Amino acid sequence: TMKALVGVKRVIDYTVKIRVKGDKSGVEKASTKFSMNPFCEIAVEEAVRMKEKGLISHITSISIGDKSSSETIKSSLALGADEAIHILTNDPLDTGLSSLTVMNVLKHFVQKNDYKVVILGKQSIDSDFNHTAQMLSGALSWPVVTFASEVKAENNKFTITKEIDTGLQKLSVQPPFIMSCDLRLNTPRYTTLKNITAAKKKPVQTIKLEEVGVEIVNPVKVLSVETPPTKPAGVKVADVDELINKLKNEAKLI
């Protein structure tokens, strides 16, 4: 009967075209659609599948953010988490809250509530740091498997396939451990009206970040955020000779 802690984060929806603020301090968020970070959604789905297989007994989702993050928490409960913890802060999550602080919060609750498995998305699509699972592993001295694309278990031993540059790597790990989820691990289920209604009755503990009692640090300062340069339009060539001429004399590639 192991308990699992799953991190979820509220981010700008992946379908939204991002606009940078005029002062380059960040991105425009007013009147912007937000949703759960896609990799966090995969993490919740995998935790639910593990519970359905009897590998874990209880799922707690945890999210750090302002009052709006309650929507993300509700989504995690509707997907199948049993309860949730909302760490309330007004810091902007993409520029004002460091991975180190997030790790400190997760470490606090892992030690307080005796979770044996921590499941996270491999990264959030706003800051793209890919830090937290690895940092938490170091802080807890727990094994971590990153970029998981398949999970199998037998006799309390987990065989996790992870994606690496040269292909796939299979790793064996036993609880307690940390796992970060990659895109191909699963396809999250659609939430039903019944589950959305049931989620409203599930317990949510709300605590201000300052009251958690962990060190709040931000060693990285965002100096500016800029829009990527636009790519020049492509050019059609009439024949191979013209192509070679352009590659040689204009692009200087040959």
C-alpha atoms as a PDB file:
ATOM      1  CA  THR A   1       0.000   0.000   0.000  1.00  0.00           C
ATOM      2  CA  MET A   2       2.191   2.808  -1.300  1.00  0.00           C
ATOM      3  CA  LYS A   3       1.180   6.425  -1.584  1.00  0.00           C
ATOM      4  CA  ALA A   4       2.177   8.492  -4.628  1.00  0.00           C
ATOM      5  CA  LEU A   5       2.693  12.246  -4.947  1.00  0.00           C
ATOM      6  CA  VAL A   6       2.087  13.744  -8.400  1.00  0.00           C
ATOM      7  CA  GLY A   7       3.094  17.288  -9.348  1.00  0.00           C
ATOM      8  CA  VAL A   8       0.758  19.333 -11.567  1.00  0.00           C
ATOM      9  CA  LYS A   9       1.311  22.823 -12.927  1.00  0.00           C
ATOM     10  CA  ARG A  10      -0.936  25.434 -14.542  1.00  0.00           C
ATOM     11  CA  VAL A  11       0.567  26.755 -17.782  1.00  0.00           C
ATOM     12  CA  ILE A  12      -0.545  28.619 -20.874  1.00  0.00           C
ATOM     13  CA  ASP A  13      -2.326  26.086 -23.075  1.00  0.00           C
ATOM     14  CA  TYR A  14      -0.038  24.479 -25.675  1.00  0.00           C
ATOM     15  CA  THR A  15      -2.383  25.553 -28.507  1.00  0.00           C
ATOM     16  CA  VAL A  16      -2.061  29.273 -27.700  1.00  0.00           C
ATOM     17  CA  LYS A  17       0.164  31.495 -29.842  1.00  0.00           C
ATOM     18  CA  ILE A  18       2.480  33.124 -27.295  1.00  0.00           C
ATOM     19  CA  ARG A  19       2.911  36.920 -27.322  1.00  0.00           C
ATOM     20  CA  VAL A  20       5.830  38.628 -25.565  1.00  0.00           C
ATOM     21  CA  LYS A  21       5.143  41.705 -23.427  1.00  0.00           C
ATOM     22  CA  GLY A  22       6.289  45.040 -24.772  1.00  0.00           C
ATOM     23  CA  ASP A  23       8.819  45.476 -21.932  1.00  0.00           C
ATOM     24  CA  LYS A  24      10.215  41.941 -22.569  1.00  0.00           C
ATOM     25  CA  SER A  25       9.670  40.979 -18.913  1.00  0.00           C
ATOM     26  CA  GLY A  26       7.614  37.923 -19.814  1.00  0.00           C
ATOM     27  CA  VAL A  27       4.662  36.818 -21.936  1.00  0.00           C
ATOM     28  CA  GLU A  28       1.133  38.171 -22.138  1.00  0.00           C
ATOM     29  CA  LYS A  29      -1.243  36.273 -19.864  1.00  0.00           C
ATOM     30  CA  ALA A  30      -4.337  38.467 -19.845  1.00  0.00           C
ATOM     31  CA  SER A  31      -7.316  36.820 -21.590  1.00  0.00           C
ATOM     32  CA  THR A  32      -5.118  33.771 -22.298  1.00  0.00           C
ATOM     33  CA  LYS A  33      -6.266  30.167 -22.069  1.00  0.00           C
ATOM     34  CA  PHE A  34      -4.518  28.124 -19.358  1.00  0.00           C
ATOM     35  CA  SER A  35      -4.562  24.380 -18.746  1.00  0.00           C
ATOM     36  CA  MET A  36      -2.601  21.641 -17.002  1.00  0.00           C
ATOM     37  CA  ASN A  37       0.940  21.191 -18.272  1.00  0.00           C
ATOM     38  CA  PRO A  38       0.693  18.288 -20.791  1.00  0.00           C
ATOM     39  CA  PHE A  39       3.518  16.305 -19.163  1.00  0.00           C
ATOM     40  CA  CYS A  40       1.868  16.711 -15.740  1.00  0.00           C
ATOM     41  CA  GLU A  41      -1.354  15.347 -17.217  1.00  0.00           C
ATOM     42  CA  ILE A  42       0.579  12.293 -18.412  1.00  0.00           C
ATOM     43  CA  ALA A  43       2.027  11.934 -14.895  1.00  0.00           C
ATOM     44  CA  VAL A  44      -1.468  11.913 -13.329  1.00  0.00           C
ATOM     45  CA  GLU A  45      -2.702   9.388 -15.896  1.00  0.00           C
ATOM     46  CA  GLU A  46       0.234   7.070 -15.178  1.00  0.00           C
ATOM     47  CA  ALA A  47      -0.381   7.306 -11.431  1.00  0.00           C
ATOM     48  CA  VAL A  48      -4.038   6.388 -11.974  1.00  0.00           C
ATOM     49  CA  ARG A  49      -3.045   3.411 -14.139  1.00  0.00           C
ATOM     50  CA  MET A  50      -0.617   2.266 -11.443  1.00  0.00           C
ATOM     51  CA  LYS A  51      -3.406   2.489  -8.872  1.00  0.00           C
ATOM     52  CA  GLU A  52      -5.766   0.527 -11.117  1.00  0.00           C
ATOM     53  CA  LYS A  53      -3.125  -2.223 -11.296  1.00  0.00           C
ATOM     54  CA  GLY A  54      -2.792  -2.250  -7.508  1.00  0.00           C
ATOM     55  CA  LEU A  55       0.775  -0.932  -7.568  1.00  0.00           C
ATOM     56  CA  ILE A  56      -0.070   2.118  -5.436  1.00  0.00           C
ATOM     57  CA  SER A  57      -2.965   2.709  -3.072  1.00  0.00           C
ATOM     58  CA  HIS A  58      -3.411   6.487  -2.903  1.00  0.00           C
ATOM     59  CA  ILE A  59      -2.667   9.456  -5.175  1.00  0.00           C
ATOM     60  CA  THR A  60      -2.104  13.013  -3.967  1.00  0.00           C
ATOM     61  CA  SER A  61      -1.686  15.765  -6.553  1.00  0.00           C
ATOM     62  CA  ILE A  62       0.185  18.923  -5.590  1.00  0.00           C
ATOM     63  CA  SER A  63       0.285  22.287  -7.337  1.00  0.00           C
ATOM     64  CA  ILE A  64       1.993  25.592  -6.576  1.00  0.00           C
ATOM     65  CA  GLY A  65       0.304  28.725  -7.853  1.00  0.00           C
ATOM     66  CA  ASP A  66      -2.268  31.453  -7.314  1.00  0.00           C
ATOM     67  CA  LYS A  67      -6.009  30.929  -6.869  1.00  0.00           C
ATOM     68  CA  SER A  68      -6.363  30.114 -10.578  1.00  0.00           C
ATOM     69  CA  SER A  69      -4.346  26.926 -10.027  1.00  0.00           C
ATOM     70  CA  SER A  70      -7.398  25.470  -8.301  1.00  0.00           C
ATOM     71  CA  GLU A  71      -8.725  24.677 -11.795  1.00  0.00           C
ATOM     72  CA  THR A  72      -5.635  22.580 -12.503  1.00  0.00           C
ATOM     73  CA  ILE A  73      -6.082  20.815  -9.175  1.00  0.00           C
ATOM     74  CA  LYS A  74      -9.729  20.062  -9.991  1.00  0.00           C
ATOM     75  CA  SER A  75      -8.598  18.581 -13.305  1.00  0.00           C
ATOM     76  CA  SER A  76      -6.140  16.272 -11.543  1.00  0.00           C
ATOM     77  CA  LEU A  77      -8.859  15.103  -9.142  1.00  0.00           C
ATOM     78  CA  ALA A  78     -11.237  14.496 -12.048  1.00  0.00           C
ATOM     79  CA  LEU A  79      -8.532  12.420 -13.781  1.00  0.00           C
ATOM     80  CA  GLY A  80      -8.314  10.173 -10.721  1.00  0.00           C
ATOM     81  CA  ALA A  81      -6.205  11.691  -7.925  1.00  0.00           C
ATOM     82  CA  ASP A  82      -7.681  10.995  -4.469  1.00  0.00           C
ATOM     83  CA  GLU A  83      -6.783  14.298  -2.821  1.00  0.00           C
ATOM     84  CA  ALA A  84      -4.785  17.432  -3.534  1.00  0.00           C
ATOM     85  CA  ILE A  85      -2.496  19.988  -1.939  1.00  0.00           C
ATOM     86  CA  HIS A  86      -2.583  23.595  -3.181  1.00  0.00           C
ATOM     87  CA  ILE A  87       0.451  25.696  -2.268  1.00  0.00           C
ATOM     88  CA  LEU A  88      -0.779  29.253  -2.642  1.00  0.00           C
ATOM     89  CA  THR A  89       1.609  31.890  -4.024  1.00  0.00           C
ATOM     90  CA  ASN A  90       1.353  35.050  -6.085  1.00  0.00           C
ATOM     91  CA  ASP A  91       4.754  34.557  -7.728  1.00  0.00           C
ATOM     92  CA  PRO A  92       4.572  34.126 -11.523  1.00  0.00           C
ATOM     93  CA  LEU A  93       5.405  30.474 -12.100  1.00  0.00           C
ATOM     94  CA  ASP A  94       7.354  30.960 -15.332  1.00  0.00           C
ATOM     95  CA  THR A  95       9.678  33.714 -14.097  1.00  0.00           C
ATOM     96  CA  GLY A  96       9.238  34.202 -10.327  1.00  0.00           C
ATOM     97  CA  LEU A  97       9.355  30.734  -8.801  1.00  0.00           C
ATOM     98  CA  SER A  98      12.495  28.632  -9.134  1.00  0.00           C
ATOM     99  CA  SER A  99      12.768  24.867  -9.610  1.00  0.00           C
ATOM    100  CA  LEU A 100      14.777  24.846  -6.375  1.00  0.00           C
ATOM    101  CA  THR A 101      11.838  26.228  -4.393  1.00  0.00           C
ATOM    102  CA  VAL A 102       9.451  23.765  -6.057  1.00  0.00           C
ATOM    103  CA  MET A 103      11.838  20.933  -5.141  1.00  0.00           C
ATOM    104  CA  ASN A 104      12.002  22.138  -1.522  1.00  0.00           C
ATOM    105  CA  VAL A 105       8.197  22.077  -1.304  1.00  0.00           C
ATOM    106  CA  LEU A 106       7.972  18.562  -2.779  1.00  0.00           C
ATOM    107  CA  LYS A 107      10.713  17.306  -0.452  1.00  0.00           C
ATOM    108  CA  HIS A 108       8.843  18.713   2.569  1.00  0.00           C
ATOM    109  CA  PHE A 109       5.622  16.880   1.751  1.00  0.00           C
ATOM    110  CA  VAL A 110       7.347  13.624   0.738  1.00  0.00           C
ATOM    111  CA  GLN A 111       9.029  13.480   4.126  1.00  0.00           C
ATOM    112  CA  LYS A 112       5.944  14.639   6.022  1.00  0.00           C
ATOM    113  CA  ASN A 113       3.437  12.249   4.420  1.00  0.00           C
ATOM    114  CA  ASP A 114       5.664   9.234   3.660  1.00  0.00           C
ATOM    115  CA  TYR A 115       5.098   9.025  -0.091  1.00  0.00           C
ATOM    116  CA  LYS A 116       7.054   6.202  -1.714  1.00  0.00           C
ATOM    117  CA  VAL A 117       6.649   7.243  -5.356  1.00  0.00           C
ATOM    118  CA  VAL A 118       6.876  10.743  -6.831  1.00  0.00           C
ATOM    119  CA  ILE A 119       5.656  11.160 -10.422  1.00  0.00           C
ATOM    120  CA  LEU A 120       6.320  14.385 -12.330  1.00  0.00           C
ATOM    121  CA  GLY A 121       6.157  15.609 -15.895  1.00  0.00           C
ATOM    122  CA  LYS A 122       9.612  15.728 -17.474  1.00  0.00           C
ATOM    123  CA  GLN A 123       9.297  19.528 -17.775  1.00  0.00           C
ATOM    124  CA  SER A 124       6.766  22.335 -17.893  1.00  0.00           C
ATOM    125  CA  ILE A 125       6.144  23.903 -21.287  1.00  0.00           C
ATOM    126  CA  ASP A 126       6.451  27.467 -19.995  1.00  0.00           C
ATOM    127  CA  SER A 127       9.890  27.545 -18.356  1.00  0.00           C
ATOM    128  CA  ASP A 128      11.166  24.299 -19.995  1.00  0.00           C
ATOM    129  CA  PHE A 129      13.711  23.756 -17.203  1.00  0.00           C
ATOM    130  CA  ASN A 130      13.515  19.965 -16.726  1.00  0.00           C
ATOM    131  CA  HIS A 131      15.084  20.379 -13.267  1.00  0.00           C
ATOM    132  CA  THR A 132      12.726  19.292 -10.529  1.00  0.00           C
ATOM    133  CA  ALA A 133      12.809  15.476 -10.642  1.00  0.00           C
ATOM    134  CA  GLN A 134      16.601  15.405 -10.744  1.00  0.00           C
ATOM    135  CA  MET A 135      16.955  17.971  -7.934  1.00  0.00           C
ATOM    136  CA  LEU A 136      14.477  16.071  -5.761  1.00  0.00           C
ATOM    137  CA  SER A 137      16.421  12.864  -6.336  1.00  0.00           C
ATOM    138  CA  GLY A 138      19.575  14.518  -5.038  1.00  0.00           C
ATOM    139  CA  ALA A 139      17.815  16.066  -2.036  1.00  0.00           C
ATOM    140  CA  LEU A 140      16.121  12.819  -0.956  1.00  0.00           C
ATOM    141  CA  SER A 141      18.927  10.461  -2.073  1.00  0.00           C
ATOM    142  CA  TRP A 142      16.288   8.513  -4.029  1.00  0.00           C
ATOM    143  CA  PRO A 143      16.771   6.927  -7.459  1.00  0.00           C
ATOM    144  CA  VAL A 144      15.204   8.822 -10.352  1.00  0.00           C
ATOM    145  CA  VAL A 145      14.206   7.642 -13.825  1.00  0.00           C
ATOM    146  CA  THR A 146      13.697  10.509 -16.248  1.00  0.00           C
ATOM    147  CA  PHE A 147      11.873  10.635 -19.609  1.00  0.00           C
ATOM    148  CA  ALA A 148       9.868   7.481 -18.900  1.00  0.00           C
ATOM    149  CA  SER A 149       8.040   6.073 -21.930  1.00  0.00           C
ATOM    150  CA  GLU A 150       6.866   2.712 -20.483  1.00  0.00           C
ATOM    151  CA  VAL A 151       6.303   1.348 -16.977  1.00  0.00           C
ATOM    152  CA  LYS A 152       6.007  -2.321 -16.006  1.00  0.00           C
ATOM    153  CA  ALA A 153       6.018  -3.815 -12.512  1.00  0.00           C
ATOM    154  CA  GLU A 154       6.348  -7.220 -10.897  1.00  0.00           C
ATOM    155  CA  ASN A 155       6.916  -8.127  -7.217  1.00  0.00           C
ATOM    156  CA  ASN A 156       7.394  -4.484  -6.226  1.00  0.00           C
ATOM    157  CA  LYS A 157      10.159  -4.072  -8.832  1.00  0.00           C
ATOM    158  CA  PHE A 158       9.518  -1.515 -11.563  1.00  0.00           C
ATOM    159  CA  THR A 159      11.025  -1.801 -15.034  1.00  0.00           C
ATOM    160  CA  ILE A 160      10.926   1.623 -16.641  1.00  0.00           C
ATOM    161  CA  THR A 161      11.860   2.347 -20.241  1.00  0.00           C
ATOM    162  CA  LYS A 162      13.309   5.801 -20.820  1.00  0.00           C
ATOM    163  CA  GLU A 163      14.097   7.673 -23.993  1.00  0.00           C
ATOM    164  CA  ILE A 164      17.725   8.614 -24.630  1.00  0.00           C
ATOM    165  CA  ASP A 165      19.489  10.136 -27.646  1.00  0.00           C
ATOM    166  CA  THR A 166      20.546   6.755 -29.007  1.00  0.00           C
ATOM    167  CA  GLY A 167      17.259   4.913 -28.449  1.00  0.00           C
ATOM    168  CA  LEU A 168      15.552   3.286 -25.469  1.00  0.00           C
ATOM    169  CA  GLN A 169      17.046   2.301 -22.135  1.00  0.00           C
ATOM    170  CA  LYS A 170      15.430  -0.117 -19.645  1.00  0.00           C
ATOM    171  CA  LEU A 171      16.045   0.515 -15.951  1.00  0.00           C
ATOM    172  CA  SER A 172      15.006  -1.477 -12.890  1.00  0.00           C
ATOM    173  CA  VAL A 173      14.045   0.401  -9.726  1.00  0.00           C
ATOM    174  CA  GLN A 174      12.333  -0.309  -6.416  1.00  0.00           C
ATOM    175  CA  PRO A 175      10.416   2.144  -4.214  1.00  0.00           C
ATOM    176  CA  PRO A 176      11.045   4.724  -3.045  1.00  0.00           C
ATOM    177  CA  PHE A 177      11.789   6.382  -6.389  1.00  0.00           C
ATOM    178  CA  ILE A 178      11.049   9.408  -8.572  1.00  0.00           C
ATOM    179  CA  MET A 179       9.903   9.252 -12.191  1.00  0.00           C
ATOM    180  CA  SER A 180       9.540  11.975 -14.792  1.00  0.00           C
ATOM    181  CA  CYS A 181       7.175  11.284 -17.679  1.00  0.00           C
ATOM    182  CA  ASP A 182       7.781  11.727 -21.397  1.00  0.00           C
ATOM    183  CA  LEU A 183       5.221  12.286 -24.124  1.00  0.00           C
ATOM    184  CA  ARG A 184       4.911   8.670 -25.300  1.00  0.00           C
ATOM    185  CA  LEU A 185       4.273   7.156 -21.856  1.00  0.00           C
ATOM    186  CA  ASN A 186       0.491   7.274 -22.254  1.00  0.00           C
ATOM    187  CA  THR A 187      -2.510   9.160 -23.626  1.00  0.00           C
ATOM    188  CA  PRO A 188      -4.464  10.762 -20.767  1.00  0.00           C
ATOM    189  CA  ARG A 189      -8.108   9.734 -20.549  1.00  0.00           C
ATOM    190  CA  TYR A 190     -10.968  12.157 -21.059  1.00  0.00           C
ATOM    191  CA  THR A 191     -12.662  13.185 -17.853  1.00  0.00           C
ATOM    192  CA  THR A 192     -16.314  12.195 -17.581  1.00  0.00           C
ATOM    193  CA  LEU A 193     -19.065  14.336 -16.092  1.00  0.00           C
ATOM    194  CA  LYS A 194     -19.367  11.765 -13.298  1.00  0.00           C
ATOM    195  CA  ASN A 195     -15.674  12.129 -12.413  1.00  0.00           C
ATOM    196  CA  ILE A 196     -15.828  15.930 -12.597  1.00  0.00           C
ATOM    197  CA  THR A 197     -18.748  15.890 -10.160  1.00  0.00           C
ATOM    198  CA  ALA A 198     -16.984  13.405  -7.862  1.00  0.00           C
ATOM    199  CA  ALA A 199     -13.835  15.579  -7.876  1.00  0.00           C
ATOM    200  CA  LYS A 200     -15.732  18.383  -6.124  1.00  0.00           C
ATOM    201  CA  LYS A 201     -16.086  16.173  -3.042  1.00  0.00           C
ATOM    202  CA  LYS A 202     -12.423  15.202  -2.826  1.00  0.00           C
ATOM    203  CA  PRO A 203     -10.306  16.928  -0.138  1.00  0.00           C
ATOM    204  CA  VAL A 204      -8.026  19.832  -1.094  1.00  0.00           C
ATOM    205  CA  GLN A 205      -5.570  21.212   1.451  1.00  0.00           C
ATOM    206  CA  THR A 206      -4.587  24.854   0.799  1.00  0.00           C
ATOM    207  CA  ILE A 207      -1.427  26.262   2.382  1.00  0.00           C
ATOM    208  CA  LYS A 208       0.381  29.540   1.702  1.00  0.00           C
ATOM    209  CA  LEU A 209       3.908  29.021   0.368  1.00  0.00           C
ATOM    210  CA  GLU A 210       5.354  31.117   3.208  1.00  0.00           C
ATOM    211  CA  GLU A 211       3.684  28.825   5.770  1.00  0.00           C
ATOM    212  CA  VAL A 212       5.134  25.582   4.414  1.00  0.00           C
ATOM    213  CA  GLY A 213       8.407  26.303   6.188  1.00  0.00           C
ATOM    214  CA  VAL A 214      10.834  25.685   3.323  1.00  0.00           C
ATOM    215  CA  GLU A 215      13.559  27.890   1.904  1.00  0.00           C
ATOM    216  CA  ILE A 216      12.221  30.096  -0.901  1.00  0.00           C
ATOM    217  CA  VAL A 217      15.099  30.798  -3.257  1.00  0.00           C
ATOM    218  CA  ASN A 218      15.339  32.146  -6.787  1.00  0.00           C
ATOM    219  CA  PRO A 219      18.970  31.897  -7.937  1.00  0.00           C
ATOM    220  CA  VAL A 220      18.079  32.476 -11.606  1.00  0.00           C
ATOM    221  CA  LYS A 221      16.834  35.895 -12.741  1.00  0.00           C
ATOM    222  CA  VAL A 222      15.045  36.323 -16.072  1.00  0.00           C
ATOM    223  CA  LEU A 223      16.678  39.310 -17.790  1.00  0.00           C
ATOM    224  CA  SER A 224      14.431  39.419 -20.847  1.00  0.00           C
ATOM    225  CA  VAL A 225      12.034  37.350 -22.928  1.00  0.00           C
ATOM    226  CA  GLU A 226      12.093  37.817 -26.698  1.00  0.00           C
ATOM    227  CA  THR A 227      10.205  36.440 -29.670  1.00  0.00           C
ATOM    228  CA  PRO A 228      12.305  34.065 -31.812  1.00  0.00           C
ATOM    229  CA  PRO A 229      13.467  35.629 -35.105  1.00  0.00           C
ATOM    230  CA  THR A 230      11.211  34.860 -38.051  1.00  0.00           C
ATOM    231  CA  LYS A 231      12.618  32.516 -40.679  1.00  0.00           C
ATOM    232  CA  PRO A 232      13.022  33.931 -44.181  1.00  0.00           C
ATOM    233  CA  ALA A 233      10.641  32.606 -46.803  1.00  0.00           C
ATOM    234  CA  GLY A 234      11.730  29.666 -48.951  1.00  0.00           C
ATOM    235  CA  VAL A 235      12.797  30.071 -52.568  1.00  0.00           C
ATOM    236  CA  LYS A 236      11.816  27.920 -55.560  1.00  0.00           C
ATOM    237  CA  VAL A 237      14.571  27.057 -58.002  1.00  0.00           C
ATOM    238  CA  ALA A 238      14.153  26.156 -61.668  1.00  0.00           C
ATOM    239  CA  ASP A 239      16.736  23.377 -61.865  1.00  0.00           C
ATOM    240  CA  VAL A 240      19.651  21.632 -60.120  1.00  0.00           C
ATOM    241  CA  ASP A 241      22.214  24.071 -61.518  1.00  0.00           C
ATOM    242  CA  GLU A 242      20.421  27.023 -59.909  1.00  0.00           C
ATOM    243  CA  LEU A 243      20.156  25.103 -56.625  1.00  0.00           C
ATOM    244  CA  ILE A 244      23.903  24.391 -56.588  1.00  0.00           C
ATOM    245  CA  ASN A 245      24.654  28.011 -57.465  1.00  0.00           C
ATOM    246  CA  LYS A 246      22.545  29.312 -54.544  1.00  0.00           C
ATOM    247  CA  LEU A 247      24.009  26.805 -52.089  1.00  0.00           C
ATOM    248  CA  LYS A 248      27.524  27.742 -53.151  1.00  0.00           C
ATOM    249  CA  ASN A 249      27.336  31.510 -53.632  1.00  0.00           C
ATOM    250  CA  GLU A 250      24.444  32.652 -51.380  1.00  0.00           C
ATOM    251  CA  ALA A 251      24.197  30.135 -48.549  1.00  0.00           C
ATOM    252  CA  LYS A 252      27.948  29.362 -48.642  1.00  0.00           C
ATOM    253  CA  LEU A 253      27.170  25.718 -47.764  1.00  0.00           C
ATOM    254  CA  ILE A 254      29.309  24.104 -50.489  1.00  0.00           C
END
